[in-house]
Every structure is written in C-alpha cells, then in structure tokens.
Amino acid sequence: MVSAVVLINVQRGQVNETAQSLLEIEGVAEVYSVTGEYDLVALLRLQRYEDLSEVVTTRMVQLPNITNTNTLMAFQCYSRADLQQAWDIGVE
C-alpha cells in the first residue's frame, strides 16, 4: 500500500465543493479542511506508486478550483493502533 499526503490550495469559497469532488477520486481516502498555508489536506491510499501519478497529476488537476498542490509521500505509518496491537500480543 502506498500512502501520500497532498496539501491543497483552492479558490476562495470553494473548500467544501472541492473536498467533496476529491472524495469522488479513487484512492483519496480522506480530506480535511485545515487552517494555515493550505486549505485542504487529502490522504491518499493507493495500490501502486504509478497510481499516485494518475491521481495527483491527472485526476486532481482536472478539478478547476485547485490552484496549487504539494505532495508528500509517506515512508512509514505510525499509529496508536499499531502500538496497542504490539502491547496486546499474547493477551487473551
């Protein structure tokens, strides 16, 4: 599984509409509206690295309200669920 985070700027007043459109793209798992330099953060979960190119450079650029993106590829995922599973090994 390939994971990536895409930081997105959109045209003023188009955050909700753009977030909903992003969720229609296969591979976009979650979209958050955020404060700061970016308007939206999209979490991508894809089967292959080649799918990342398709989603970001082909599908996302077709959305007219997106003005800029910055894509961060994830090397490894750390989560509380993983930590809890490690502590629960052998506990029944």
C-alpha atoms as a PDB file:
ATOM      1  CA  MET A   1       0.000   0.000   0.000  1.00  0.00           C
ATOM      2  CA  VAL A   2       1.310   3.438  -0.978  1.00  0.00           C
ATOM      3  CA  SER A   3       0.301   6.387   1.197  1.00  0.00           C
ATOM      4  CA  ALA A   4       0.680  10.072   0.441  1.00  0.00           C
ATOM      5  CA  VAL A   5      -0.436  13.398   1.844  1.00  0.00           C
ATOM      6  CA  VAL A   6      -1.448  16.133  -0.583  1.00  0.00           C
ATOM      7  CA  LEU A   7      -1.545  19.727   0.671  1.00  0.00           C
ATOM      8  CA  ILE A   8      -4.001  21.712  -1.443  1.00  0.00           C
ATOM      9  CA  ASN A   9      -4.870  25.364  -2.071  1.00  0.00           C
ATOM     10  CA  VAL A  10      -8.256  26.140  -3.609  1.00  0.00           C
ATOM     11  CA  GLN A  11     -10.057  29.213  -4.867  1.00  0.00           C
ATOM     12  CA  ARG A  12     -11.736  31.307  -2.184  1.00  0.00           C
ATOM     13  CA  GLY A  13     -15.125  29.944  -1.153  1.00  0.00           C
ATOM     14  CA  GLN A  14     -14.624  26.580  -2.856  1.00  0.00           C
ATOM     15  CA  VAL A  15     -13.315  24.449   0.032  1.00  0.00           C
ATOM     16  CA  ASN A  16     -16.440  22.338   0.632  1.00  0.00           C
ATOM     17  CA  GLU A  17     -17.174  21.743  -3.055  1.00  0.00           C
ATOM     18  CA  THR A  18     -13.559  20.811  -3.787  1.00  0.00           C
ATOM     19  CA  ALA A  19     -13.352  18.458  -0.787  1.00  0.00           C
ATOM     20  CA  GLN A  20     -16.448  16.594  -1.982  1.00  0.00           C
ATOM     21  CA  SER A  21     -15.039  16.355  -5.525  1.00  0.00           C
ATOM     22  CA  LEU A  22     -11.751  14.981  -4.203  1.00  0.00           C
ATOM     23  CA  LEU A  23     -13.572  12.224  -2.321  1.00  0.00           C
ATOM     24  CA  GLU A  24     -15.000  11.004  -5.630  1.00  0.00           C
ATOM     25  CA  ILE A  25     -11.477  10.186  -6.864  1.00  0.00           C
ATOM     26  CA  GLU A  26     -10.498   6.567  -6.276  1.00  0.00           C
ATOM     27  CA  GLY A  27      -7.523   6.449  -3.935  1.00  0.00           C
ATOM     28  CA  VAL A  28      -8.476   9.558  -1.964  1.00  0.00           C
ATOM     29  CA  ALA A  29      -9.247   8.102   1.463  1.00  0.00           C
ATOM     30  CA  GLU A  30      -9.879  11.262   3.489  1.00  0.00           C
ATOM     31  CA  VAL A  31      -9.967  15.020   3.015  1.00  0.00           C
ATOM     32  CA  TYR A  32      -9.561  17.561   5.827  1.00  0.00           C
ATOM     33  CA  SER A  33     -10.159  21.297   5.778  1.00  0.00           C
ATOM     34  CA  VAL A  34      -7.328  22.916   7.727  1.00  0.00           C
ATOM     35  CA  THR A  35      -6.001  26.253   8.909  1.00  0.00           C
ATOM     36  CA  GLY A  36      -2.709  27.725   7.829  1.00  0.00           C
ATOM     37  CA  GLU A  37      -0.992  27.952   4.481  1.00  0.00           C
ATOM     38  CA  TYR A  38      -3.169  25.276   2.838  1.00  0.00           C
ATOM     39  CA  ASP A  39      -6.940  24.915   2.585  1.00  0.00           C
ATOM     40  CA  LEU A  40      -7.279  21.128   2.339  1.00  0.00           C
ATOM     41  CA  VAL A  41      -5.228  18.041   3.145  1.00  0.00           C
ATOM     42  CA  ALA A  42      -6.005  14.856   1.225  1.00  0.00           C
ATOM     43  CA  LEU A  43      -4.808  11.457   2.436  1.00  0.00           C
ATOM     44  CA  LEU A  44      -4.221   9.027  -0.403  1.00  0.00           C
ATOM     45  CA  ARG A  45      -4.021   5.261  -0.112  1.00  0.00           C
ATOM     46  CA  LEU A  46      -3.089   3.552  -3.347  1.00  0.00           C
ATOM     47  CA  GLN A  47      -2.051   0.109  -4.525  1.00  0.00           C
ATOM     48  CA  ARG A  48       0.949   1.162  -6.653  1.00  0.00           C
ATOM     49  CA  TYR A  49       3.304   4.123  -6.978  1.00  0.00           C
ATOM     50  CA  GLU A  50       2.094   4.576 -10.548  1.00  0.00           C
ATOM     51  CA  ASP A  51      -1.402   5.216  -9.178  1.00  0.00           C
ATOM     52  CA  LEU A  52      -0.065   8.258  -7.322  1.00  0.00           C
ATOM     53  CA  SER A  53       0.860   9.911 -10.596  1.00  0.00           C
ATOM     54  CA  GLU A  54      -2.591   9.176 -12.024  1.00  0.00           C
ATOM     55  CA  VAL A  55      -4.427  10.604  -9.014  1.00  0.00           C
ATOM     56  CA  VAL A  56      -2.345  13.746  -8.480  1.00  0.00           C
ATOM     57  CA  THR A  57      -1.212  14.794 -11.941  1.00  0.00           C
ATOM     58  CA  THR A  58      -4.212  13.621 -13.944  1.00  0.00           C
ATOM     59  CA  ARG A  59      -7.337  13.464 -11.779  1.00  0.00           C
ATOM     60  CA  MET A  60      -6.715  16.259  -9.257  1.00  0.00           C
ATOM     61  CA  VAL A  61      -5.551  18.789 -11.850  1.00  0.00           C
ATOM     62  CA  GLN A  62      -8.899  18.389 -13.620  1.00  0.00           C
ATOM     63  CA  LEU A  63     -10.648  19.993 -10.649  1.00  0.00           C
ATOM     64  CA  PRO A  64     -10.920  23.681 -11.636  1.00  0.00           C
ATOM     65  CA  ASN A  65     -10.902  25.061  -8.073  1.00  0.00           C
ATOM     66  CA  ILE A  66      -7.480  23.650  -7.145  1.00  0.00           C
ATOM     67  CA  THR A  67      -4.813  26.319  -7.519  1.00  0.00           C
ATOM     68  CA  ASN A  68      -1.767  24.555  -6.024  1.00  0.00           C
ATOM     69  CA  THR A  69      -0.720  21.210  -4.538  1.00  0.00           C
ATOM     70  CA  ASN A  70       2.253  19.888  -2.605  1.00  0.00           C
ATOM     71  CA  THR A  71       2.524  16.084  -2.432  1.00  0.00           C
ATOM     72  CA  LEU A  72       4.316  14.281   0.396  1.00  0.00           C
ATOM     73  CA  MET A  73       4.967  10.552   0.004  1.00  0.00           C
ATOM     74  CA  ALA A  74       4.846   8.556   3.221  1.00  0.00           C
ATOM     75  CA  PHE A  75       7.703   6.185   4.062  1.00  0.00           C
ATOM     76  CA  GLN A  76       6.141   4.592   7.120  1.00  0.00           C
ATOM     77  CA  CYS A  77       2.945   4.923   9.140  1.00  0.00           C
ATOM     78  CA  TYR A  78       2.985   5.199  12.919  1.00  0.00           C
ATOM     79  CA  SER A  79      -0.308   4.987  14.783  1.00  0.00           C
ATOM     80  CA  ARG A  80      -1.740   4.338  18.226  1.00  0.00           C
ATOM     81  CA  ALA A  81      -3.496   1.252  16.847  1.00  0.00           C
ATOM     82  CA  ASP A  82      -0.133  -0.287  15.891  1.00  0.00           C
ATOM     83  CA  LEU A  83       1.263   0.453  19.345  1.00  0.00           C
ATOM     84  CA  GLN A  84      -1.771  -1.047  21.074  1.00  0.00           C
ATOM     85  CA  GLN A  85      -1.539  -4.218  18.964  1.00  0.00           C
ATOM     86  CA  ALA A  86       2.095  -4.658  19.968  1.00  0.00           C
ATOM     87  CA  TRP A  87       1.187  -4.439  23.666  1.00  0.00           C
ATOM     88  CA  ASP A  88      -1.751  -6.845  23.232  1.00  0.00           C
ATOM     89  CA  ILE A  89       0.336  -9.717  21.786  1.00  0.00           C
ATOM     90  CA  GLY A  90      -0.358 -12.823  23.845  1.00  0.00           C
ATOM     91  CA  VAL A  91      -3.126 -11.201  25.908  1.00  0.00           C
ATOM     92  CA  GLU A  92      -6.429 -13.047  25.781  1.00  0.00           C
END
